[in-house]
């Protein structure tokens, strides 16, 4: 027979599972970047990991995230890093300069001298 404490503990656990739909189901992601060398200095991380993205945000970083995403990218042999900042570019010199920066993983840049005082 169950005592009162055991009953309430069991009932509370069961209620939590009922209230959280999909609590036992595997998470679904929009994108998984698999097997890349993830470098994140803010977390002191430099290891081979998978990165899962859901709703435009990083949802998980772990080894061997199970498949179950709409899209999977194999990043084996590649670096996976947060957006980079280039502190010296000449991106404004050419029309496609900003797009070239983005293609290289640069999400912020400082244009250093594409326009001089003679162009103002």
PDB file of N, CA and C in Angstrom:
ATOM      1  N   UNK A   1       0.843  -1.180   0.000  1.00  0.00           N
ATOM      2  CA  UNK A   1       0.000   0.000   0.000  1.00  0.00           C
ATOM      3  C   UNK A   1       0.886   1.240   0.000  1.00  0.00           C
ATOM      4  N   UNK A   2       0.418   2.252  -0.690  1.00  0.00           N
ATOM      5  CA  UNK A   2       1.151   3.510  -0.821  1.00  0.00           C
ATOM      6  C   UNK A   2       0.807   4.450   0.323  1.00  0.00           C
ATOM      7  N   UNK A   3       1.848   5.078   0.875  1.00  0.00           N
ATOM      8  CA  UNK A   3       1.531   6.090   1.875  1.00  0.00           C
ATOM      9  C   UNK A   3       1.210   7.419   1.189  1.00  0.00           C
ATOM     10  N   UNK A   4       0.818   8.386   1.952  1.00  0.00           N
ATOM     11  CA  UNK A   4       0.376   9.679   1.406  1.00  0.00           C
ATOM     12  C   UNK A   4       1.483  10.370   0.624  1.00  0.00           C
ATOM     13  N   UNK A   5       2.695  10.377   1.133  1.00  0.00           N
ATOM     14  CA  UNK A   5       3.816  11.036   0.461  1.00  0.00           C
ATOM     15  C   UNK A   5       4.109  10.380  -0.889  1.00  0.00           C
ATOM     16  N   UNK A   6       4.116   9.072  -0.945  1.00  0.00           N
ATOM     17  CA  UNK A   6       4.353   8.362  -2.196  1.00  0.00           C
ATOM     18  C   UNK A   6       3.250   8.641  -3.208  1.00  0.00           C
ATOM     19  N   UNK A   7       1.990   8.690  -2.727  1.00  0.00           N
ATOM     20  CA  UNK A   7       0.869   8.971  -3.615  1.00  0.00           C
ATOM     21  C   UNK A   7       1.009  10.349  -4.257  1.00  0.00           C
ATOM     22  N   UNK A   8       1.276  11.373  -3.458  1.00  0.00           N
ATOM     23  CA  UNK A   8       1.394  12.731  -4.000  1.00  0.00           C
ATOM     24  C   UNK A   8       2.595  12.875  -4.927  1.00  0.00           C
ATOM     25  N   UNK A   9       3.688  12.188  -4.602  1.00  0.00           N
ATOM     26  CA  UNK A   9       4.867  12.231  -5.472  1.00  0.00           C
ATOM     27  C   UNK A   9       4.557  11.609  -6.832  1.00  0.00           C
ATOM     28  N   UNK A  10       3.906  10.470  -6.829  1.00  0.00           N
ATOM     29  CA  UNK A  10       3.539   9.798  -8.077  1.00  0.00           C
ATOM     30  C   UNK A  10       2.524  10.619  -8.861  1.00  0.00           C
ATOM     31  N   UNK A  11       1.529  11.154  -8.184  1.00  0.00           N
ATOM     32  CA  UNK A  11       0.484  11.948  -8.844  1.00  0.00           C
ATOM     33  C   UNK A  11       1.071  13.220  -9.456  1.00  0.00           C
ATOM     34  N   UNK A  12       1.983  13.863  -8.757  1.00  0.00           N
ATOM     35  CA  UNK A  12       2.605  15.089  -9.275  1.00  0.00           C
ATOM     36  C   UNK A  12       3.424  14.794 -10.519  1.00  0.00           C
ATOM     37  N   UNK A  13       4.195  13.719 -10.506  1.00  0.00           N
ATOM     38  CA  UNK A  13       4.984  13.334 -11.679  1.00  0.00           C
ATOM     39  C   UNK A  13       4.112  13.007 -12.871  1.00  0.00           C
ATOM     40  N   UNK A  14       3.025  12.279 -12.648  1.00  0.00           N
ATOM     41  CA  UNK A  14       2.111  11.928 -13.735  1.00  0.00           C
ATOM     42  C   UNK A  14       1.432  13.175 -14.289  1.00  0.00           C
ATOM     43  N   UNK A  15       1.044  14.079 -13.423  1.00  0.00           N
ATOM     44  CA  UNK A  15       0.392  15.318 -13.868  1.00  0.00           C
ATOM     45  C   UNK A  15       1.343  16.155 -14.708  1.00  0.00           C
ATOM     46  N   UNK A  16       2.608  16.189 -14.344  1.00  0.00           N
ATOM     47  CA  UNK A  16       3.589  16.963 -15.122  1.00  0.00           C
ATOM     48  C   UNK A  16       3.727  16.397 -16.524  1.00  0.00           C
ATOM     49  N   UNK A  17       3.752  15.072 -16.649  1.00  0.00           N
ATOM     50  CA  UNK A  17       3.875  14.464 -17.969  1.00  0.00           C
ATOM     51  C   UNK A  17       2.621  14.699 -18.809  1.00  0.00           C
ATOM     52  N   UNK A  18       1.473  14.693 -18.200  1.00  0.00           N
ATOM     53  CA  UNK A  18       0.225  14.929 -18.927  1.00  0.00           C
ATOM     54  C   UNK A  18       0.136  16.369 -19.397  1.00  0.00           C
ATOM     55  N   UNK A  19       0.603  17.322 -18.609  1.00  0.00           N
ATOM     56  CA  UNK A  19       0.495  18.746 -18.931  1.00  0.00           C
ATOM     57  C   UNK A  19       1.488  19.186 -19.983  1.00  0.00           C
ATOM     58  N   UNK A  20       2.569  18.447 -20.183  1.00  0.00           N
ATOM     59  CA  UNK A  20       3.590  18.823 -21.159  1.00  0.00           C
ATOM     60  C   UNK A  20       3.443  17.913 -22.369  1.00  0.00           C
ATOM     61  N   UNK A  21       2.753  18.395 -23.433  1.00  0.00           N
ATOM     62  CA  UNK A  21       2.595  17.531 -24.593  1.00  0.00           C
ATOM     63  C   UNK A  21       3.947  17.205 -25.214  1.00  0.00           C
ATOM     64  N   UNK A  22       4.140  15.967 -25.570  1.00  0.00           N
ATOM     65  CA  UNK A  22       5.382  15.549 -26.206  1.00  0.00           C
ATOM     66  C   UNK A  22       6.564  15.482 -25.258  1.00  0.00           C
ATOM     67  N   UNK A  23       6.310  15.410 -23.958  1.00  0.00           N
ATOM     68  CA  UNK A  23       7.413  15.397 -22.995  1.00  0.00           C
ATOM     69  C   UNK A  23       8.319  14.190 -23.202  1.00  0.00           C
ATOM     70  N   UNK A  24       7.753  13.095 -23.642  1.00  0.00           N
ATOM     71  CA  UNK A  24       8.555  11.896 -23.856  1.00  0.00           C
ATOM     72  C   UNK A  24       8.986  11.739 -25.306  1.00  0.00           C
ATOM     73  N   UNK A  25       8.483  12.599 -26.197  1.00  0.00           N
ATOM     74  CA  UNK A  25       8.818  12.502 -27.618  1.00  0.00           C
ATOM     75  C   UNK A  25      10.149  13.184 -27.906  1.00  0.00           C
ATOM     76  N   UNK A  26      10.808  12.750 -28.959  1.00  0.00           N
ATOM     77  CA  UNK A  26      12.078  13.357 -29.354  1.00  0.00           C
ATOM     78  C   UNK A  26      11.835  14.763 -29.901  1.00  0.00           C
ATOM     79  N   UNK A  27      12.781  15.650 -29.664  1.00  0.00           N
ATOM     80  CA  UNK A  27      12.671  17.019 -30.149  1.00  0.00           C
ATOM     81  C   UNK A  27      12.803  17.047 -31.667  1.00  0.00           C
ATOM     82  N   UNK A  28      12.080  17.924 -32.292  1.00  0.00           N
ATOM     83  CA  UNK A  28      12.156  18.105 -33.737  1.00  0.00           C
ATOM     84  C   UNK A  28      12.876  19.411 -34.009  1.00  0.00           C
ATOM     85  N   UNK A  29      13.778  19.394 -34.974  1.00  0.00           N
ATOM     86  CA  UNK A  29      14.563  20.572 -35.319  1.00  0.00           C
ATOM     87  C   UNK A  29      14.350  20.919 -36.783  1.00  0.00           C
ATOM     88  N   UNK A  30      14.572  22.180 -37.104  1.00  0.00           N
ATOM     89  CA  UNK A  30      14.493  22.620 -38.492  1.00  0.00           C
ATOM     90  C   UNK A  30      15.763  22.223 -39.246  1.00  0.00           C
ATOM     91  N   UNK A  31      16.893  22.285 -38.559  1.00  0.00           N
ATOM     92  CA  UNK A  31      18.189  22.038 -39.187  1.00  0.00           C
ATOM     93  C   UNK A  31      19.132  21.430 -38.166  1.00  0.00           C
ATOM     94  N   UNK A  32      19.916  20.458 -38.615  1.00  0.00           N
ATOM     95  CA  UNK A  32      21.006  19.929 -37.790  1.00  0.00           C
ATOM     96  C   UNK A  32      22.283  20.018 -38.609  1.00  0.00           C
ATOM     97  N   UNK A  33      23.286  20.674 -38.050  1.00  0.00           N
ATOM     98  CA  UNK A  33      24.617  20.742 -38.645  1.00  0.00           C
ATOM     99  C   UNK A  33      25.426  19.659 -37.935  1.00  0.00           C
ATOM    100  N   UNK A  34      25.781  18.603 -38.657  1.00  0.00           N
ATOM    101  CA  UNK A  34      26.367  17.417 -38.037  1.00  0.00           C
ATOM    102  C   UNK A  34      27.879  17.320 -38.241  1.00  0.00           C
ATOM    103  N   UNK A  35      28.563  16.969 -37.170  1.00  0.00           N
ATOM    104  CA  UNK A  35      29.950  16.543 -37.245  1.00  0.00           C
ATOM    105  C   UNK A  35      30.986  17.605 -37.522  1.00  0.00           C
ATOM    106  N   UNK A  36      30.663  18.873 -37.315  1.00  0.00           N
ATOM    107  CA  UNK A  36      31.653  19.925 -37.530  1.00  0.00           C
ATOM    108  C   UNK A  36      32.442  20.210 -36.269  1.00  0.00           C
ATOM    109  N   UNK A  37      33.574  20.862 -36.443  1.00  0.00           N
ATOM    110  CA  UNK A  37      34.374  21.281 -35.284  1.00  0.00           C
ATOM    111  C   UNK A  37      33.781  22.590 -34.781  1.00  0.00           C
ATOM    112  N   UNK A  38      33.078  22.516 -33.683  1.00  0.00           N
ATOM    113  CA  UNK A  38      32.398  23.673 -33.103  1.00  0.00           C
ATOM    114  C   UNK A  38      33.372  24.417 -32.204  1.00  0.00           C
ATOM    115  N   UNK A  39      33.569  25.700 -32.498  1.00  0.00           N
ATOM    116  CA  UNK A  39      34.444  26.542 -31.687  1.00  0.00           C
ATOM    117  C   UNK A  39      33.609  27.698 -31.168  1.00  0.00           C
ATOM    118  N   UNK A  40      33.467  27.767 -29.846  1.00  0.00           N
ATOM    119  CA  UNK A  40      32.742  28.856 -29.199  1.00  0.00           C
ATOM    120  C   UNK A  40      33.539  29.297 -27.980  1.00  0.00           C
ATOM    121  N   UNK A  41      34.385  30.332 -28.146  1.00  0.00           N
ATOM    122  CA  UNK A  41      35.231  30.763 -27.033  1.00  0.00           C
ATOM    123  C   UNK A  41      34.437  31.179 -25.789  1.00  0.00           C
ATOM    124  N   UNK A  42      33.215  31.678 -25.954  1.00  0.00           N
ATOM    125  CA  UNK A  42      32.441  32.109 -24.796  1.00  0.00           C
ATOM    126  C   UNK A  42      32.074  30.934 -23.886  1.00  0.00           C
ATOM    127  N   UNK A  43      32.049  29.723 -24.434  1.00  0.00           N
ATOM    128  CA  UNK A  43      31.740  28.527 -23.645  1.00  0.00           C
ATOM    129  C   UNK A  43      32.943  27.610 -23.497  1.00  0.00           C
ATOM    130  N   UNK A  44      34.107  28.091 -23.954  1.00  0.00           N
ATOM    131  CA  UNK A  44      35.338  27.300 -23.914  1.00  0.00           C
ATOM    132  C   UNK A  44      35.125  25.941 -24.594  1.00  0.00           C
ATOM    133  N   UNK A  45      34.489  25.982 -25.754  1.00  0.00           N
ATOM    134  CA  UNK A  45      34.174  24.771 -26.497  1.00  0.00           C
ATOM    135  C   UNK A  45      34.989  24.712 -27.775  1.00  0.00           C
ATOM    136  N   UNK A  46      35.681  23.623 -27.969  1.00  0.00           N
ATOM    137  CA  UNK A  46      36.423  23.335 -29.189  1.00  0.00           C
ATOM    138  C   UNK A  46      36.402  21.823 -29.358  1.00  0.00           C
ATOM    139  N   UNK A  47      35.360  21.325 -30.041  1.00  0.00           N
ATOM    140  CA  UNK A  47      35.178  19.880 -30.156  1.00  0.00           C
ATOM    141  C   UNK A  47      34.290  19.559 -31.354  1.00  0.00           C
ATOM    142  N   UNK A  48      34.295  18.314 -31.753  1.00  0.00           N
ATOM    143  CA  UNK A  48      33.402  17.842 -32.809  1.00  0.00           C
ATOM    144  C   UNK A  48      32.012  17.685 -32.186  1.00  0.00           C
ATOM    145  N   UNK A  49      31.052  18.441 -32.701  1.00  0.00           N
ATOM    146  CA  UNK A  49      29.694  18.441 -32.156  1.00  0.00           C
ATOM    147  C   UNK A  49      28.681  18.599 -33.277  1.00  0.00           C
ATOM    148  N   UNK A  50      27.424  18.353 -32.949  1.00  0.00           N
ATOM    149  CA  UNK A  50      26.293  18.656 -33.814  1.00  0.00           C
ATOM    150  C   UNK A  50      25.610  19.893 -33.252  1.00  0.00           C
ATOM    151  N   UNK A  51      25.034  20.694 -34.135  1.00  0.00           N
ATOM    152  CA  UNK A  51      24.297  21.883 -33.728  1.00  0.00           C
ATOM    153  C   UNK A  51      22.889  21.772 -34.303  1.00  0.00           C
ATOM    154  N   UNK A  52      21.890  21.817 -33.426  1.00  0.00           N
ATOM    155  CA  UNK A  52      20.488  21.727 -33.847  1.00  0.00           C
ATOM    156  C   UNK A  52      19.852  23.102 -33.757  1.00  0.00           C
ATOM    157  N   UNK A  53      19.064  23.435 -34.776  1.00  0.00           N
ATOM    158  CA  UNK A  53      18.412  24.741 -34.847  1.00  0.00           C
ATOM    159  C   UNK A  53      16.913  24.534 -34.983  1.00  0.00           C
ATOM    160  N   UNK A  54      16.151  25.266 -34.165  1.00  0.00           N
ATOM    161  CA  UNK A  54      14.690  25.223 -34.218  1.00  0.00           C
ATOM    162  C   UNK A  54      14.167  26.651 -34.118  1.00  0.00           C
ATOM    163  N   UNK A  55      13.260  26.998 -34.984  1.00  0.00           N
ATOM    164  CA  UNK A  55      12.654  28.338 -34.994  1.00  0.00           C
ATOM    165  C   UNK A  55      13.691  29.452 -35.074  1.00  0.00           C
ATOM    166  N   UNK A  56      14.741  29.240 -35.858  1.00  0.00           N
ATOM    167  CA  UNK A  56      15.747  30.268 -36.069  1.00  0.00           C
ATOM    168  C   UNK A  56      16.719  30.457 -34.922  1.00  0.00           C
ATOM    169  N   UNK A  57      16.705  29.580 -33.951  1.00  0.00           N
ATOM    170  CA  UNK A  57      17.604  29.690 -32.798  1.00  0.00           C
ATOM    171  C   UNK A  57      18.326  28.362 -32.575  1.00  0.00           C
ATOM    172  N   UNK A  58      19.509  28.452 -31.998  1.00  0.00           N
ATOM    173  CA  UNK A  58      20.250  27.237 -31.656  1.00  0.00           C
ATOM    174  C   UNK A  58      19.527  26.577 -30.490  1.00  0.00           C
ATOM    175  N   UNK A  59      19.097  25.346 -30.701  1.00  0.00           N
ATOM    176  CA  UNK A  59      18.328  24.629 -29.691  1.00  0.00           C
ATOM    177  C   UNK A  59      19.185  23.640 -28.913  1.00  0.00           C
ATOM    178  N   UNK A  60      20.248  23.129 -29.539  1.00  0.00           N
ATOM    179  CA  UNK A  60      21.104  22.153 -28.856  1.00  0.00           C
ATOM    180  C   UNK A  60      22.465  22.090 -29.518  1.00  0.00           C
ATOM    181  N   UNK A  61      23.482  21.897 -28.697  1.00  0.00           N
ATOM    182  CA  UNK A  61      24.838  21.623 -29.167  1.00  0.00           C
ATOM    183  C   UNK A  61      25.297  20.407 -28.378  1.00  0.00           C
ATOM    184  N   UNK A  62      25.485  19.299 -29.087  1.00  0.00           N
ATOM    185  CA  UNK A  62      25.844  18.058 -28.404  1.00  0.00           C
ATOM    186  C   UNK A  62      26.485  17.102 -29.402  1.00  0.00           C
ATOM    187  N   UNK A  63      27.109  16.076 -28.861  1.00  0.00           N
ATOM    188  CA  UNK A  63      27.666  15.024 -29.716  1.00  0.00           C
ATOM    189  C   UNK A  63      26.529  14.115 -30.165  1.00  0.00           C
ATOM    190  N   UNK A  64      26.490  13.828 -31.446  1.00  0.00           N
ATOM    191  CA  UNK A  64      25.543  12.862 -32.007  1.00  0.00           C
ATOM    192  C   UNK A  64      24.081  13.148 -31.684  1.00  0.00           C
ATOM    193  N   UNK A  65      23.598  14.319 -32.073  1.00  0.00           N
ATOM    194  CA  UNK A  65      22.167  14.607 -31.955  1.00  0.00           C
ATOM    195  C   UNK A  65      21.453  13.706 -32.954  1.00  0.00           C
ATOM    196  N   UNK A  66      20.440  12.965 -32.515  1.00  0.00           N
ATOM    197  CA  UNK A  66      19.762  12.063 -33.441  1.00  0.00           C
ATOM    198  C   UNK A  66      19.086  12.828 -34.575  1.00  0.00           C
ATOM    199  N   UNK A  67      19.092  12.226 -35.746  1.00  0.00           N
ATOM    200  CA  UNK A  67      18.453  12.865 -36.896  1.00  0.00           C
ATOM    201  C   UNK A  67      16.976  13.056 -36.591  1.00  0.00           C
ATOM    202  N   UNK A  68      16.359  13.946 -37.285  1.00  0.00           N
ATOM    203  CA  UNK A  68      14.953  14.250 -37.050  1.00  0.00           C
ATOM    204  C   UNK A  68      14.694  15.702 -37.377  1.00  0.00           C
ATOM    205  N   UNK A  69      15.431  16.193 -38.363  1.00  0.00           N
ATOM    206  CA  UNK A  69      15.281  17.592 -38.762  1.00  0.00           C
ATOM    207  C   UNK A  69      14.811  17.639 -40.205  1.00  0.00           C
ATOM    208  N   UNK A  70      14.231  18.775 -40.569  1.00  0.00           N
ATOM    209  CA  UNK A  70      13.793  18.973 -41.946  1.00  0.00           C
ATOM    210  C   UNK A  70      14.989  18.968 -42.893  1.00  0.00           C
ATOM    211  N   UNK A  71      16.139  19.449 -42.407  1.00  0.00           N
ATOM    212  CA  UNK A  71      17.349  19.512 -43.226  1.00  0.00           C
ATOM    213  C   UNK A  71      18.559  19.167 -42.367  1.00  0.00           C
ATOM    214  N   UNK A  72      19.509  18.476 -42.965  1.00  0.00           N
ATOM    215  CA  UNK A  72      20.752  18.136 -42.273  1.00  0.00           C
ATOM    216  C   UNK A  72      21.923  18.542 -43.154  1.00  0.00           C
ATOM    217  N   UNK A  73      22.906  19.188 -42.542  1.00  0.00           N
ATOM    218  CA  UNK A  73      24.121  19.589 -43.253  1.00  0.00           C
ATOM    219  C   UNK A  73      25.290  18.808 -42.659  1.00  0.00           C
ATOM    220  N   UNK A  74      26.064  18.164 -43.525  1.00  0.00           N
ATOM    221  CA  UNK A  74      27.261  17.451 -43.079  1.00  0.00           C
ATOM    222  C   UNK A  74      28.408  18.455 -43.023  1.00  0.00           C
ATOM    223  N   UNK A  75      28.884  18.748 -41.819  1.00  0.00           N
ATOM    224  CA  UNK A  75      29.962  19.712 -41.635  1.00  0.00           C
ATOM    225  C   UNK A  75      31.280  19.029 -41.303  1.00  0.00           C
ATOM    226  N   UNK A  76      31.405  17.753 -41.604  1.00  0.00           N
ATOM    227  CA  UNK A  76      32.643  17.024 -41.324  1.00  0.00           C
ATOM    228  C   UNK A  76      33.824  17.732 -41.975  1.00  0.00           C
ATOM    229  N   UNK A  77      34.878  17.956 -41.188  1.00  0.00           N
ATOM    230  CA  UNK A  77      36.072  18.609 -41.702  1.00  0.00           C
ATOM    231  C   UNK A  77      35.937  20.123 -41.829  1.00  0.00           C
ATOM    232  N   UNK A  78      34.850  20.684 -41.316  1.00  0.00           N
ATOM    233  CA  UNK A  78      34.627  22.132 -41.402  1.00  0.00           C
ATOM    234  C   UNK A  78      34.494  22.734 -40.010  1.00  0.00           C
ATOM    235  N   UNK A  79      34.695  24.046 -39.940  1.00  0.00           N
ATOM    236  CA  UNK A  79      34.522  24.770 -38.685  1.00  0.00           C
ATOM    237  C   UNK A  79      33.089  25.262 -38.576  1.00  0.00           C
ATOM    238  N   UNK A  80      32.534  25.198 -37.378  1.00  0.00           N
ATOM    239  CA  UNK A  80      31.222  25.761 -37.076  1.00  0.00           C
ATOM    240  C   UNK A  80      31.461  26.756 -35.947  1.00  0.00           C
ATOM    241  N   UNK A  81      31.293  28.048 -36.260  1.00  0.00           N
ATOM    242  CA  UNK A  81      31.628  29.101 -35.303  1.00  0.00           C
ATOM    243  C   UNK A  81      30.505  30.131 -35.241  1.00  0.00           C
ATOM    244  N   UNK A  82      30.456  30.916 -34.151  1.00  0.00           N
ATOM    245  CA  UNK A  82      29.511  32.027 -34.110  1.00  0.00           C
ATOM    246  C   UNK A  82      29.884  33.037 -35.198  1.00  0.00           C
ATOM    247  N   UNK A  83      28.992  33.957 -35.518  1.00  0.00           N
ATOM    248  CA  UNK A  83      29.282  34.981 -36.518  1.00  0.00           C
ATOM    249  C   UNK A  83      30.567  35.715 -36.207  1.00  0.00           C
ATOM    250  N   UNK A  84      31.355  35.985 -37.218  1.00  0.00           N
ATOM    251  CA  UNK A  84      32.653  36.624 -37.040  1.00  0.00           C
ATOM    252  C   UNK A  84      32.564  38.115 -37.338  1.00  0.00           C
ATOM    253  N   UNK A  85      33.497  38.878 -36.787  1.00  0.00           N
ATOM    254  CA  UNK A  85      33.584  40.311 -37.042  1.00  0.00           C
ATOM    255  C   UNK A  85      34.915  40.588 -37.714  1.00  0.00           C
ATOM    256  N   UNK A  86      34.865  41.243 -38.867  1.00  0.00           N
ATOM    257  CA  UNK A  86      36.076  41.633 -39.580  1.00  0.00           C
ATOM    258  C   UNK A  86      36.290  43.116 -39.302  1.00  0.00           C
ATOM    259  N   UNK A  87      37.399  43.447 -38.635  1.00  0.00           N
ATOM    260  CA  UNK A  87      37.603  44.836 -38.217  1.00  0.00           C
ATOM    261  C   UNK A  87      38.299  45.686 -39.272  1.00  0.00           C
ATOM    262  N   UNK A  88      38.625  45.105 -40.437  1.00  0.00           N
ATOM    263  CA  UNK A  88      39.247  45.902 -41.491  1.00  0.00           C
ATOM    264  C   UNK A  88      38.848  45.337 -42.852  1.00  0.00           C
ATOM    265  N   UNK A  89      37.831  45.928 -43.456  1.00  0.00           N
ATOM    266  CA  UNK A  89      37.410  45.495 -44.783  1.00  0.00           C
ATOM    267  C   UNK A  89      37.381  46.693 -45.727  1.00  0.00           C
ATOM    268  N   UNK A  90      37.216  46.390 -46.974  1.00  0.00           N
ATOM    269  CA  UNK A  90      36.968  47.402 -48.004  1.00  0.00           C
ATOM    270  C   UNK A  90      35.731  46.947 -48.775  1.00  0.00           C
ATOM    271  N   UNK A  91      34.719  46.521 -48.015  1.00  0.00           N
ATOM    272  CA  UNK A  91      33.523  45.923 -48.599  1.00  0.00           C
ATOM    273  C   UNK A  91      32.715  46.905 -49.435  1.00  0.00           C
ATOM    274  N   UNK A  92      32.809  48.183 -49.151  1.00  0.00           N
ATOM    275  CA  UNK A  92      32.003  49.156 -49.885  1.00  0.00           C
ATOM    276  C   UNK A  92      32.569  49.487 -51.260  1.00  0.00           C
ATOM    277  N   UNK A  93      33.772  49.003 -51.562  1.00  0.00           N
ATOM    278  CA  UNK A  93      34.387  49.303 -52.866  1.00  0.00           C
ATOM    279  C   UNK A  93      33.649  48.646 -54.022  1.00  0.00           C
ATOM    280  N   UNK A  94      33.074  47.491 -53.768  1.00  0.00           N
ATOM    281  CA  UNK A  94      32.373  46.773 -54.837  1.00  0.00           C
ATOM    282  C   UNK A  94      30.939  46.494 -54.399  1.00  0.00           C
ATOM    283  N   UNK A  95      30.060  46.388 -55.372  1.00  0.00           N
ATOM    284  CA  UNK A  95      28.640  46.193 -55.072  1.00  0.00           C
ATOM    285  C   UNK A  95      28.388  44.914 -54.271  1.00  0.00           C
ATOM    286  N   UNK A  96      29.079  43.847 -54.582  1.00  0.00           N
ATOM    287  CA  UNK A  96      28.862  42.568 -53.902  1.00  0.00           C
ATOM    288  C   UNK A  96      29.690  42.384 -52.647  1.00  0.00           C
ATOM    289  N   UNK A  97      30.369  43.419 -52.181  1.00  0.00           N
ATOM    290  CA  UNK A  97      31.246  43.309 -51.008  1.00  0.00           C
ATOM    291  C   UNK A  97      30.566  42.762 -49.769  1.00  0.00           C
ATOM    292  N   UNK A  98      29.426  43.339 -49.358  1.00  0.00           N
ATOM    293  CA  UNK A  98      28.759  42.802 -48.158  1.00  0.00           C
ATOM    294  C   UNK A  98      28.354  41.331 -48.313  1.00  0.00           C
ATOM    295  N   UNK A  99      27.894  40.932 -49.479  1.00  0.00           N
ATOM    296  CA  UNK A  99      27.516  39.533 -49.689  1.00  0.00           C
ATOM    297  C   UNK A  99      28.738  38.620 -49.587  1.00  0.00           C
ATOM    298  N   UNK A 100      29.893  39.099 -50.066  1.00  0.00           N
ATOM    299  CA  UNK A 100      31.119  38.301 -49.946  1.00  0.00           C
ATOM    300  C   UNK A 100      31.511  38.121 -48.489  1.00  0.00           C
ATOM    301  N   UNK A 101      31.342  39.165 -47.688  1.00  0.00           N
ATOM    302  CA  UNK A 101      31.642  39.056 -46.257  1.00  0.00           C
ATOM    303  C   UNK A 101      30.754  38.000 -45.610  1.00  0.00           C
ATOM    304  N   UNK A 102      29.457  38.048 -45.906  1.00  0.00           N
ATOM    305  CA  UNK A 102      28.531  37.072 -45.334  1.00  0.00           C
ATOM    306  C   UNK A 102      28.880  35.652 -45.765  1.00  0.00           C
ATOM    307  N   UNK A 103      29.274  35.490 -47.020  1.00  0.00           N
ATOM    308  CA  UNK A 103      29.634  34.158 -47.519  1.00  0.00           C
ATOM    309  C   UNK A 103      30.842  33.592 -46.779  1.00  0.00           C
ATOM    310  N   UNK A 104      31.689  34.464 -46.242  1.00  0.00           N
ATOM    311  CA  UNK A 104      32.860  34.024 -45.483  1.00  0.00           C
ATOM    312  C   UNK A 104      32.570  33.865 -43.998  1.00  0.00           C
ATOM    313  N   UNK A 105      31.308  34.028 -43.585  1.00  0.00           N
ATOM    314  CA  UNK A 105      30.951  33.865 -42.184  1.00  0.00           C
ATOM    315  C   UNK A 105      31.063  35.136 -41.370  1.00  0.00           C
ATOM    316  N   UNK A 106      31.327  36.247 -42.023  1.00  0.00           N
ATOM    317  CA  UNK A 106      31.456  37.526 -41.325  1.00  0.00           C
ATOM    318  C   UNK A 106      30.072  38.152 -41.221  1.00  0.00           C
ATOM    319  N   UNK A 107      29.605  38.372 -40.005  1.00  0.00           N
ATOM    320  CA  UNK A 107      28.281  38.954 -39.815  1.00  0.00           C
ATOM    321  C   UNK A 107      28.347  40.418 -39.393  1.00  0.00           C
ATOM    322  N   UNK A 108      29.530  40.907 -39.133  1.00  0.00           N
ATOM    323  CA  UNK A 108      29.716  42.321 -38.802  1.00  0.00           C
ATOM    324  C   UNK A 108      31.067  42.758 -39.314  1.00  0.00           C
ATOM    325  N   UNK A 109      31.127  43.971 -39.841  1.00  0.00           N
ATOM    326  CA  UNK A 109      32.410  44.436 -40.352  1.00  0.00           C
ATOM    327  C   UNK A 109      32.516  45.943 -40.219  1.00  0.00           C
ATOM    328  N   UNK A 110      33.753  46.387 -40.249  1.00  0.00           N
ATOM    329  CA  UNK A 110      34.064  47.815 -40.231  1.00  0.00           C
ATOM    330  C   UNK A 110      34.770  48.114 -41.538  1.00  0.00           C
ATOM    331  N   UNK A 111      34.187  48.998 -42.324  1.00  0.00           N
ATOM    332  CA  UNK A 111      34.806  49.356 -43.586  1.00  0.00           C
ATOM    333  C   UNK A 111      35.914  50.370 -43.291  1.00  0.00           C
ATOM    334  N   UNK A 112      37.128  50.013 -43.661  1.00  0.00           N
ATOM    335  CA  UNK A 112      38.282  50.829 -43.301  1.00  0.00           C
ATOM    336  C   UNK A 112      38.879  51.500 -44.531  1.00  0.00           C
ATOM    337  N   UNK A 113      38.210  52.508 -45.023  1.00  0.00           N
ATOM    338  CA  UNK A 113      38.830  53.309 -46.058  1.00  0.00           C
ATOM    339  C   UNK A 113      38.327  53.147 -47.460  1.00  0.00           C
ATOM    340  N   UNK A 114      37.174  52.549 -47.681  1.00  0.00           N
ATOM    341  CA  UNK A 114      36.662  52.480 -49.043  1.00  0.00           C
ATOM    342  C   UNK A 114      36.285  53.876 -49.543  1.00  0.00           C
ATOM    343  N   UNK A 115      35.812  54.691 -48.658  1.00  0.00           N
ATOM    344  CA  UNK A 115      35.444  56.070 -49.015  1.00  0.00           C
ATOM    345  C   UNK A 115      36.370  57.020 -48.258  1.00  0.00           C
ATOM    346  N   UNK A 116      37.074  57.821 -48.976  1.00  0.00           N
ATOM    347  CA  UNK A 116      37.945  58.808 -48.341  1.00  0.00           C
ATOM    348  C   UNK A 116      37.271  60.175 -48.346  1.00  0.00           C
ATOM    349  N   UNK A 117      37.955  61.202 -47.834  1.00  0.00           N
ATOM    350  CA  UNK A 117      37.378  62.534 -47.771  1.00  0.00           C
ATOM    351  C   UNK A 117      37.055  63.091 -49.163  1.00  0.00           C
ATOM    352  N   UNK A 118      37.785  62.613 -50.199  1.00  0.00           N
ATOM    353  CA  UNK A 118      37.537  63.116 -51.530  1.00  0.00           C
ATOM    354  C   UNK A 118      36.208  62.617 -52.124  1.00  0.00           C
ATOM    355  N   UNK A 119      35.583  61.577 -51.511  1.00  0.00           N
ATOM    356  CA  UNK A 119      34.341  61.039 -52.026  1.00  0.00           C
ATOM    357  C   UNK A 119      33.114  61.549 -51.265  1.00  0.00           C
ATOM    358  N   UNK A 120      33.290  62.385 -50.272  1.00  0.00           N
ATOM    359  CA  UNK A 120      32.152  62.842 -49.483  1.00  0.00           C
ATOM    360  C   UNK A 120      31.466  64.030 -50.093  1.00  0.00           C
TER     361      UNK A 120
END
